[in-house]
């Protein structure tokens, strides 16, 4: 059995986790702002990480894998609502 961490070690882990979460939120916001540039039919764009699945672009209440979203955009596909919903999960 592994040795339990000290109180100090646990609180260090908590602090690091919060810092990494803050960093994630900053980068997720940057990805969402970039995704917003490729659509004109909604202003409600966010980016979230789904555990075990990766990053997703969320528009209104629908979600699409971020890699697919940007592949479509970089290949010149106009991402209208129907296209987005086609790739949503």
PDB file of N, CA and C in Angstrom:
ATOM      1  N   UNK A   1       0.850  -1.172   0.000  1.00  0.00           N
ATOM      2  CA  UNK A   1       0.000   0.000   0.000  1.00  0.00           C
ATOM      3  C   UNK A   1       0.900   1.241   0.000  1.00  0.00           C
ATOM      4  N   UNK A   2       0.520   2.219  -0.791  1.00  0.00           N
ATOM      5  CA  UNK A   2       1.349   3.419  -0.851  1.00  0.00           C
ATOM      6  C   UNK A   2       1.077   4.325   0.352  1.00  0.00           C
ATOM      7  N   UNK A   3       2.089   5.087   0.690  1.00  0.00           N
ATOM      8  CA  UNK A   3       2.018   5.978   1.845  1.00  0.00           C
ATOM      9  C   UNK A   3       1.075   7.154   1.553  1.00  0.00           C
ATOM     10  N   UNK A   4       0.273   7.513   2.543  1.00  0.00           N
ATOM     11  CA  UNK A   4      -0.631   8.650   2.390  1.00  0.00           C
ATOM     12  C   UNK A   4       0.169   9.940   2.327  1.00  0.00           C
ATOM     13  N   UNK A   5      -0.325  10.862   1.529  1.00  0.00           N
ATOM     14  CA  UNK A   5       0.317  12.171   1.422  1.00  0.00           C
ATOM     15  C   UNK A   5       0.012  13.000   2.672  1.00  0.00           C
ATOM     16  N   UNK A   6       0.885  13.935   2.952  1.00  0.00           N
ATOM     17  CA  UNK A   6       0.676  14.820   4.096  1.00  0.00           C
ATOM     18  C   UNK A   6      -0.383  15.866   3.745  1.00  0.00           C
ATOM     19  N   UNK A   7      -0.863  16.533   4.757  1.00  0.00           N
ATOM     20  CA  UNK A   7      -1.840  17.612   4.561  1.00  0.00           C
ATOM     21  C   UNK A   7      -1.276  18.656   3.609  1.00  0.00           C
ATOM     22  N   UNK A   8      -0.031  19.027   3.803  1.00  0.00           N
ATOM     23  CA  UNK A   8       0.623  20.017   2.956  1.00  0.00           C
ATOM     24  C   UNK A   8       0.694  19.551   1.498  1.00  0.00           C
ATOM     25  N   UNK A   9       1.027  18.297   1.299  1.00  0.00           N
ATOM     26  CA  UNK A   9       1.098  17.754  -0.055  1.00  0.00           C
ATOM     27  C   UNK A   9      -0.272  17.753  -0.740  1.00  0.00           C
ATOM     28  N   UNK A  10      -1.283  17.407   0.011  1.00  0.00           N
ATOM     29  CA  UNK A  10      -2.647  17.403  -0.534  1.00  0.00           C
ATOM     30  C   UNK A  10      -3.055  18.821  -0.933  1.00  0.00           C
ATOM     31  N   UNK A  11      -2.791  19.794  -0.063  1.00  0.00           N
ATOM     32  CA  UNK A  11      -3.166  21.169  -0.392  1.00  0.00           C
ATOM     33  C   UNK A  11      -2.351  21.719  -1.556  1.00  0.00           C
ATOM     34  N   UNK A  12      -1.116  21.289  -1.700  1.00  0.00           N
ATOM     35  CA  UNK A  12      -0.318  21.655  -2.874  1.00  0.00           C
ATOM     36  C   UNK A  12      -0.973  21.112  -4.148  1.00  0.00           C
ATOM     37  N   UNK A  13      -1.441  19.864  -4.070  1.00  0.00           N
ATOM     38  CA  UNK A  13      -2.141  19.272  -5.215  1.00  0.00           C
ATOM     39  C   UNK A  13      -3.415  20.047  -5.551  1.00  0.00           C
ATOM     40  N   UNK A  14      -4.148  20.439  -4.530  1.00  0.00           N
ATOM     41  CA  UNK A  14      -5.379  21.207  -4.755  1.00  0.00           C
ATOM     42  C   UNK A  14      -5.078  22.543  -5.442  1.00  0.00           C
ATOM     43  N   UNK A  15      -4.053  23.210  -4.987  1.00  0.00           N
ATOM     44  CA  UNK A  15      -3.668  24.497  -5.572  1.00  0.00           C
ATOM     45  C   UNK A  15      -3.255  24.315  -7.033  1.00  0.00           C
ATOM     46  N   UNK A  16      -2.432  23.316  -7.305  1.00  0.00           N
ATOM     47  CA  UNK A  16      -1.985  23.060  -8.675  1.00  0.00           C
ATOM     48  C   UNK A  16      -3.166  22.715  -9.576  1.00  0.00           C
ATOM     49  N   UNK A  17      -4.105  21.945  -9.060  1.00  0.00           N
ATOM     50  CA  UNK A  17      -5.288  21.583  -9.835  1.00  0.00           C
ATOM     51  C   UNK A  17      -6.098  22.823 -10.180  1.00  0.00           C
ATOM     52  N   UNK A  18      -6.292  23.703  -9.235  1.00  0.00           N
ATOM     53  CA  UNK A  18      -7.025  24.950  -9.486  1.00  0.00           C
ATOM     54  C   UNK A  18      -6.301  25.818 -10.507  1.00  0.00           C
ATOM     55  N   UNK A  19      -4.984  25.882 -10.418  1.00  0.00           N
ATOM     56  CA  UNK A  19      -4.210  26.673 -11.366  1.00  0.00           C
ATOM     57  C   UNK A  19      -4.342  26.104 -12.775  1.00  0.00           C
ATOM     58  N   UNK A  20      -4.243  24.799 -12.900  1.00  0.00           N
ATOM     59  CA  UNK A  20      -4.370  24.165 -14.217  1.00  0.00           C
ATOM     60  C   UNK A  20      -5.782  24.340 -14.765  1.00  0.00           C
ATOM     61  N   UNK A  21      -6.776  24.289 -13.887  1.00  0.00           N
ATOM     62  CA  UNK A  21      -8.142  24.494 -14.328  1.00  0.00           C
ATOM     63  C   UNK A  21      -8.317  25.922 -14.846  1.00  0.00           C
ATOM     64  N   UNK A  22      -7.739  26.895 -14.160  1.00  0.00           N
ATOM     65  CA  UNK A  22      -7.810  28.287 -14.619  1.00  0.00           C
ATOM     66  C   UNK A  22      -7.137  28.434 -15.978  1.00  0.00           C
ATOM     67  N   UNK A  23      -6.003  27.776 -16.147  1.00  0.00           N
ATOM     68  CA  UNK A  23      -5.287  27.811 -17.432  1.00  0.00           C
ATOM     69  C   UNK A  23      -6.149  27.183 -18.530  1.00  0.00           C
ATOM     70  N   UNK A  24      -6.776  26.051 -18.234  1.00  0.00           N
ATOM     71  CA  UNK A  24      -7.684  25.403 -19.188  1.00  0.00           C
ATOM     72  C   UNK A  24      -8.805  26.345 -19.598  1.00  0.00           C
ATOM     73  N   UNK A  25      -9.406  27.034 -18.631  1.00  0.00           N
ATOM     74  CA  UNK A  25     -10.509  27.936 -18.935  1.00  0.00           C
ATOM     75  C   UNK A  25     -10.084  29.067 -19.874  1.00  0.00           C
ATOM     76  N   UNK A  26      -8.889  29.582 -19.683  1.00  0.00           N
ATOM     77  CA  UNK A  26      -8.373  30.647 -20.555  1.00  0.00           C
ATOM     78  C   UNK A  26      -8.233  30.126 -21.985  1.00  0.00           C
ATOM     79  N   UNK A  27      -7.633  28.952 -22.140  1.00  0.00           N
ATOM     80  CA  UNK A  27      -7.432  28.393 -23.478  1.00  0.00           C
ATOM     81  C   UNK A  27      -8.750  27.963 -24.120  1.00  0.00           C
ATOM     82  N   UNK A  28      -9.655  27.419 -23.347  1.00  0.00           N
ATOM     83  CA  UNK A  28     -10.966  27.034 -23.879  1.00  0.00           C
ATOM     84  C   UNK A  28     -11.707  28.261 -24.393  1.00  0.00           C
ATOM     85  N   UNK A  29     -11.590  29.378 -23.688  1.00  0.00           N
ATOM     86  CA  UNK A  29     -12.218  30.616 -24.135  1.00  0.00           C
ATOM     87  C   UNK A  29     -11.605  31.093 -25.452  1.00  0.00           C
ATOM     88  N   UNK A  30     -10.303  30.951 -25.607  1.00  0.00           N
ATOM     89  CA  UNK A  30      -9.632  31.332 -26.860  1.00  0.00           C
ATOM     90  C   UNK A  30     -10.120  30.463 -28.018  1.00  0.00           C
ATOM     91  N   UNK A  31     -10.280  29.172 -27.776  1.00  0.00           N
ATOM     92  CA  UNK A  31     -10.779  28.269 -28.816  1.00  0.00           C
ATOM     93  C   UNK A  31     -12.207  28.654 -29.191  1.00  0.00           C
ATOM     94  N   UNK A  32     -13.044  28.948 -28.205  1.00  0.00           N
ATOM     95  CA  UNK A  32     -14.435  29.338 -28.469  1.00  0.00           C
ATOM     96  C   UNK A  32     -14.495  30.627 -29.286  1.00  0.00           C
ATOM     97  N   UNK A  33     -13.653  31.594 -28.954  1.00  0.00           N
ATOM     98  CA  UNK A  33     -13.634  32.853 -29.714  1.00  0.00           C
ATOM     99  C   UNK A  33     -13.205  32.613 -31.154  1.00  0.00           C
ATOM    100  N   UNK A  34     -12.272  31.695 -31.351  1.00  0.00           N
ATOM    101  CA  UNK A  34     -11.839  31.369 -32.710  1.00  0.00           C
ATOM    102  C   UNK A  34     -12.970  30.672 -33.472  1.00  0.00           C
ATOM    103  N   UNK A  35     -13.669  29.755 -32.814  1.00  0.00           N
ATOM    104  CA  UNK A  35     -14.795  29.056 -33.450  1.00  0.00           C
ATOM    105  C   UNK A  35     -15.894  30.036 -33.840  1.00  0.00           C
ATOM    106  N   UNK A  36     -16.107  31.046 -33.006  1.00  0.00           N
ATOM    107  CA  UNK A  36     -17.150  32.047 -33.281  1.00  0.00           C
ATOM    108  C   UNK A  36     -16.928  32.721 -34.634  1.00  0.00           C
ATOM    109  N   UNK A  37     -15.681  32.845 -35.054  1.00  0.00           N
ATOM    110  CA  UNK A  37     -15.353  33.497 -36.324  1.00  0.00           C
ATOM    111  C   UNK A  37     -15.853  32.717 -37.531  1.00  0.00           C
ATOM    112  N   UNK A  38     -16.171  31.439 -37.346  1.00  0.00           N
ATOM    113  CA  UNK A  38     -16.573  30.584 -38.456  1.00  0.00           C
ATOM    114  C   UNK A  38     -18.079  30.377 -38.552  1.00  0.00           C
ATOM    115  N   UNK A  39     -18.831  30.988 -37.654  1.00  0.00           N
ATOM    116  CA  UNK A  39     -20.296  30.880 -37.730  1.00  0.00           C
ATOM    117  C   UNK A  39     -20.910  32.261 -37.571  1.00  0.00           C
ATOM    118  N   UNK A  40     -22.111  32.397 -38.094  1.00  0.00           N
ATOM    119  CA  UNK A  40     -22.797  33.689 -37.968  1.00  0.00           C
ATOM    120  C   UNK A  40     -24.217  33.530 -37.418  1.00  0.00           C
ATOM    121  N   UNK A  41     -24.590  32.328 -37.064  1.00  0.00           N
ATOM    122  CA  UNK A  41     -25.970  32.064 -36.685  1.00  0.00           C
ATOM    123  C   UNK A  41     -26.202  31.955 -35.183  1.00  0.00           C
ATOM    124  N   UNK A  42     -25.165  32.163 -34.365  1.00  0.00           N
ATOM    125  CA  UNK A  42     -25.335  32.165 -32.911  1.00  0.00           C
ATOM    126  C   UNK A  42     -24.165  32.890 -32.260  1.00  0.00           C
ATOM    127  N   UNK A  43     -24.436  33.527 -31.140  1.00  0.00           N
ATOM    128  CA  UNK A  43     -23.382  34.163 -30.346  1.00  0.00           C
ATOM    129  C   UNK A  43     -23.055  33.344 -29.096  1.00  0.00           C
ATOM    130  N   UNK A  44     -23.726  32.207 -28.944  1.00  0.00           N
ATOM    131  CA  UNK A  44     -23.569  31.370 -27.754  1.00  0.00           C
ATOM    132  C   UNK A  44     -22.606  30.224 -28.051  1.00  0.00           C
ATOM    133  N   UNK A  45     -21.291  30.535 -28.108  1.00  0.00           N
ATOM    134  CA  UNK A  45     -20.275  29.543 -28.454  1.00  0.00           C
ATOM    135  C   UNK A  45     -19.330  29.366 -27.267  1.00  0.00           C
ATOM    136  N   UNK A  46     -19.135  28.116 -26.876  1.00  0.00           N
ATOM    137  CA  UNK A  46     -18.178  27.808 -25.816  1.00  0.00           C
ATOM    138  C   UNK A  46     -17.350  26.597 -26.246  1.00  0.00           C
ATOM    139  N   UNK A  47     -16.333  26.316 -25.468  1.00  0.00           N
ATOM    140  CA  UNK A  47     -15.504  25.137 -25.692  1.00  0.00           C
ATOM    141  C   UNK A  47     -15.370  24.425 -24.355  1.00  0.00           C
ATOM    142  N   UNK A  48     -15.599  23.113 -24.385  1.00  0.00           N
ATOM    143  CA  UNK A  48     -15.500  22.329 -23.160  1.00  0.00           C
ATOM    144  C   UNK A  48     -14.793  21.020 -23.435  1.00  0.00           C
ATOM    145  N   UNK A  49     -14.178  20.501 -22.402  1.00  0.00           N
ATOM    146  CA  UNK A  49     -13.529  19.200 -22.482  1.00  0.00           C
ATOM    147  C   UNK A  49     -14.467  18.164 -21.880  1.00  0.00           C
ATOM    148  N   UNK A  50     -14.734  17.115 -22.653  1.00  0.00           N
ATOM    149  CA  UNK A  50     -15.538  16.004 -22.154  1.00  0.00           C
ATOM    150  C   UNK A  50     -14.584  14.867 -21.817  1.00  0.00           C
ATOM    151  N   UNK A  51     -14.574  14.465 -20.592  1.00  0.00           N
ATOM    152  CA  UNK A  51     -13.669  13.432 -20.108  1.00  0.00           C
ATOM    153  C   UNK A  51     -13.721  12.193 -20.997  1.00  0.00           C
ATOM    154  N   UNK A  52     -12.586  11.811 -21.483  1.00  0.00           N
ATOM    155  CA  UNK A  52     -12.490  10.628 -22.317  1.00  0.00           C
ATOM    156  C   UNK A  52     -12.876  10.833 -23.768  1.00  0.00           C
ATOM    157  N   UNK A  53     -13.339  12.029 -24.112  1.00  0.00           N
ATOM    158  CA  UNK A  53     -13.778  12.278 -25.481  1.00  0.00           C
ATOM    159  C   UNK A  53     -13.030  13.421 -26.148  1.00  0.00           C
ATOM    160  N   UNK A  54     -12.518  14.363 -25.392  1.00  0.00           N
ATOM    161  CA  UNK A  54     -11.768  15.472 -25.970  1.00  0.00           C
ATOM    162  C   UNK A  54     -12.502  16.796 -25.903  1.00  0.00           C
ATOM    163  N   UNK A  55     -12.003  17.744 -26.694  1.00  0.00           N
ATOM    164  CA  UNK A  55     -12.586  19.089 -26.715  1.00  0.00           C
ATOM    165  C   UNK A  55     -13.779  19.156 -27.657  1.00  0.00           C
ATOM    166  N   UNK A  56     -14.781  19.906 -27.226  1.00  0.00           N
ATOM    167  CA  UNK A  56     -15.986  20.079 -28.023  1.00  0.00           C
ATOM    168  C   UNK A  56     -16.317  21.559 -28.145  1.00  0.00           C
ATOM    169  N   UNK A  57     -16.836  21.924 -29.315  1.00  0.00           N
ATOM    170  CA  UNK A  57     -17.400  23.251 -29.521  1.00  0.00           C
ATOM    171  C   UNK A  57     -18.881  23.118 -29.202  1.00  0.00           C
ATOM    172  N   UNK A  58     -19.357  23.955 -28.308  1.00  0.00           N
ATOM    173  CA  UNK A  58     -20.766  23.936 -27.926  1.00  0.00           C
ATOM    174  C   UNK A  58     -21.396  25.217 -28.456  1.00  0.00           C
ATOM    175  N   UNK A  59     -22.455  25.047 -29.221  1.00  0.00           N
ATOM    176  CA  UNK A  59     -23.209  26.186 -29.742  1.00  0.00           C
ATOM    177  C   UNK A  59     -24.649  25.967 -29.319  1.00  0.00           C
ATOM    178  N   UNK A  60     -25.158  26.953 -28.590  1.00  0.00           N
ATOM    179  CA  UNK A  60     -26.474  26.839 -27.962  1.00  0.00           C
ATOM    180  C   UNK A  60     -26.440  25.604 -27.059  1.00  0.00           C
ATOM    181  N   UNK A  61     -27.137  24.537 -27.383  1.00  0.00           N
ATOM    182  CA  UNK A  61     -27.114  23.344 -26.520  1.00  0.00           C
ATOM    183  C   UNK A  61     -26.526  22.132 -27.228  1.00  0.00           C
ATOM    184  N   UNK A  62     -26.014  22.310 -28.431  1.00  0.00           N
ATOM    185  CA  UNK A  62     -25.457  21.204 -29.211  1.00  0.00           C
ATOM    186  C   UNK A  62     -23.934  21.224 -29.149  1.00  0.00           C
ATOM    187  N   UNK A  63     -23.317  20.055 -29.279  1.00  0.00           N
ATOM    188  CA  UNK A  63     -21.857  19.982 -29.211  1.00  0.00           C
ATOM    189  C   UNK A  63     -21.298  19.195 -30.391  1.00  0.00           C
ATOM    190  N   UNK A  64     -20.127  19.642 -30.843  1.00  0.00           N
ATOM    191  CA  UNK A  64     -19.436  19.015 -31.969  1.00  0.00           C
ATOM    192  C   UNK A  64     -17.962  18.904 -31.589  1.00  0.00           C
ATOM    193  N   UNK A  65     -17.320  17.770 -31.885  1.00  0.00           N
ATOM    194  CA  UNK A  65     -15.895  17.663 -31.580  1.00  0.00           C
ATOM    195  C   UNK A  65     -15.118  18.824 -32.226  1.00  0.00           C
ATOM    196  N   UNK A  66     -14.241  19.435 -31.461  1.00  0.00           N
ATOM    197  CA  UNK A  66     -13.509  20.615 -31.934  1.00  0.00           C
ATOM    198  C   UNK A  66     -12.646  20.297 -33.150  1.00  0.00           C
ATOM    199  N   UNK A  67     -12.018  19.121 -33.169  1.00  0.00           N
ATOM    200  CA  UNK A  67     -11.178  18.794 -34.322  1.00  0.00           C
ATOM    201  C   UNK A  67     -11.994  18.691 -35.599  1.00  0.00           C
ATOM    202  N   UNK A  68     -13.182  18.126 -35.525  1.00  0.00           N
ATOM    203  CA  UNK A  68     -14.061  18.041 -36.694  1.00  0.00           C
ATOM    204  C   UNK A  68     -14.522  19.436 -37.103  1.00  0.00           C
ATOM    205  N   UNK A  69     -14.915  20.242 -36.136  1.00  0.00           N
ATOM    206  CA  UNK A  69     -15.369  21.607 -36.416  1.00  0.00           C
ATOM    207  C   UNK A  69     -14.309  22.376 -37.207  1.00  0.00           C
ATOM    208  N   UNK A  70     -13.072  22.357 -36.711  1.00  0.00           N
ATOM    209  CA  UNK A  70     -12.020  23.127 -37.373  1.00  0.00           C
ATOM    210  C   UNK A  70     -11.556  22.471 -38.675  1.00  0.00           C
ATOM    211  N   UNK A  71     -11.622  21.145 -38.779  1.00  0.00           N
ATOM    212  CA  UNK A  71     -11.337  20.498 -40.065  1.00  0.00           C
ATOM    213  C   UNK A  71     -12.318  20.988 -41.129  1.00  0.00           C
ATOM    214  N   UNK A  72     -13.581  21.036 -40.775  1.00  0.00           N
ATOM    215  CA  UNK A  72     -14.585  21.553 -41.711  1.00  0.00           C
ATOM    216  C   UNK A  72     -14.270  22.992 -42.104  1.00  0.00           C
ATOM    217  N   UNK A  73     -13.993  23.812 -41.103  1.00  0.00           N
ATOM    218  CA  UNK A  73     -13.728  25.233 -41.359  1.00  0.00           C
ATOM    219  C   UNK A  73     -12.507  25.418 -42.255  1.00  0.00           C
ATOM    220  N   UNK A  74     -11.426  24.707 -41.966  1.00  0.00           N
ATOM    221  CA  UNK A  74     -10.190  24.864 -42.739  1.00  0.00           C
ATOM    222  C   UNK A  74     -10.285  24.267 -44.135  1.00  0.00           C
ATOM    223  N   UNK A  75     -11.273  23.398 -44.342  1.00  0.00           N
ATOM    224  CA  UNK A  75     -11.499  22.834 -45.675  1.00  0.00           C
ATOM    225  C   UNK A  75     -12.541  23.622 -46.461  1.00  0.00           C
ATOM    226  N   UNK A  76     -12.877  24.803 -45.953  1.00  0.00           N
ATOM    227  CA  UNK A  76     -13.758  25.701 -46.691  1.00  0.00           C
ATOM    228  C   UNK A  76     -15.242  25.408 -46.582  1.00  0.00           C
ATOM    229  N   UNK A  77     -15.614  24.533 -45.681  1.00  0.00           N
ATOM    230  CA  UNK A  77     -17.032  24.227 -45.503  1.00  0.00           C
ATOM    231  C   UNK A  77     -17.693  25.361 -44.719  1.00  0.00           C
ATOM    232  N   UNK A  78     -18.787  25.871 -45.241  1.00  0.00           N
ATOM    233  CA  UNK A  78     -19.535  26.885 -44.499  1.00  0.00           C
ATOM    234  C   UNK A  78     -20.315  26.159 -43.401  1.00  0.00           C
ATOM    235  N   UNK A  79     -19.989  26.475 -42.163  1.00  0.00           N
ATOM    236  CA  UNK A  79     -20.604  25.759 -41.043  1.00  0.00           C
ATOM    237  C   UNK A  79     -21.898  26.459 -40.646  1.00  0.00           C
ATOM    238  N   UNK A  80     -22.965  26.042 -41.321  1.00  0.00           N
ATOM    239  CA  UNK A  80     -24.271  26.564 -40.938  1.00  0.00           C
ATOM    240  C   UNK A  80     -24.844  25.648 -39.855  1.00  0.00           C
ATOM    241  N   UNK A  81     -26.011  25.976 -39.393  1.00  0.00           N
ATOM    242  CA  UNK A  81     -26.607  25.207 -38.298  1.00  0.00           C
ATOM    243  C   UNK A  81     -26.802  23.733 -38.670  1.00  0.00           C
ATOM    244  N   UNK A  82     -27.259  23.471 -39.898  1.00  0.00           N
ATOM    245  CA  UNK A  82     -27.505  22.084 -40.323  1.00  0.00           C
ATOM    246  C   UNK A  82     -26.217  21.264 -40.347  1.00  0.00           C
ATOM    247  N   UNK A  83     -25.137  21.855 -40.865  1.00  0.00           N
ATOM    248  CA  UNK A  83     -23.846  21.154 -40.896  1.00  0.00           C
ATOM    249  C   UNK A  83     -23.381  20.873 -39.472  1.00  0.00           C
ATOM    250  N   UNK A  84     -23.489  21.882 -38.603  1.00  0.00           N
ATOM    251  CA  UNK A  84     -23.067  21.705 -37.217  1.00  0.00           C
ATOM    252  C   UNK A  84     -23.848  20.572 -36.558  1.00  0.00           C
ATOM    253  N   UNK A  85     -25.150  20.556 -36.759  1.00  0.00           N
ATOM    254  CA  UNK A  85     -25.992  19.516 -36.152  1.00  0.00           C
ATOM    255  C   UNK A  85     -25.672  18.133 -36.727  1.00  0.00           C
ATOM    256  N   UNK A  86     -25.264  18.083 -37.990  1.00  0.00           N
ATOM    257  CA  UNK A  86     -24.911  16.811 -38.614  1.00  0.00           C
ATOM    258  C   UNK A  86     -23.733  16.153 -37.905  1.00  0.00           C
ATOM    259  N   UNK A  87     -22.806  16.971 -37.391  1.00  0.00           N
ATOM    260  CA  UNK A  87     -21.620  16.443 -36.715  1.00  0.00           C
ATOM    261  C   UNK A  87     -21.726  16.482 -35.189  1.00  0.00           C
ATOM    262  N   UNK A  88     -22.839  16.934 -34.694  1.00  0.00           N
ATOM    263  CA  UNK A  88     -23.042  17.022 -33.253  1.00  0.00           C
ATOM    264  C   UNK A  88     -23.238  15.649 -32.642  1.00  0.00           C
ATOM    265  N   UNK A  89     -22.911  15.578 -31.346  1.00  0.00           N
ATOM    266  CA  UNK A  89     -23.089  14.318 -30.622  1.00  0.00           C
ATOM    267  C   UNK A  89     -23.933  14.543 -29.409  1.00  0.00           C
TER     268      UNK A  89
END
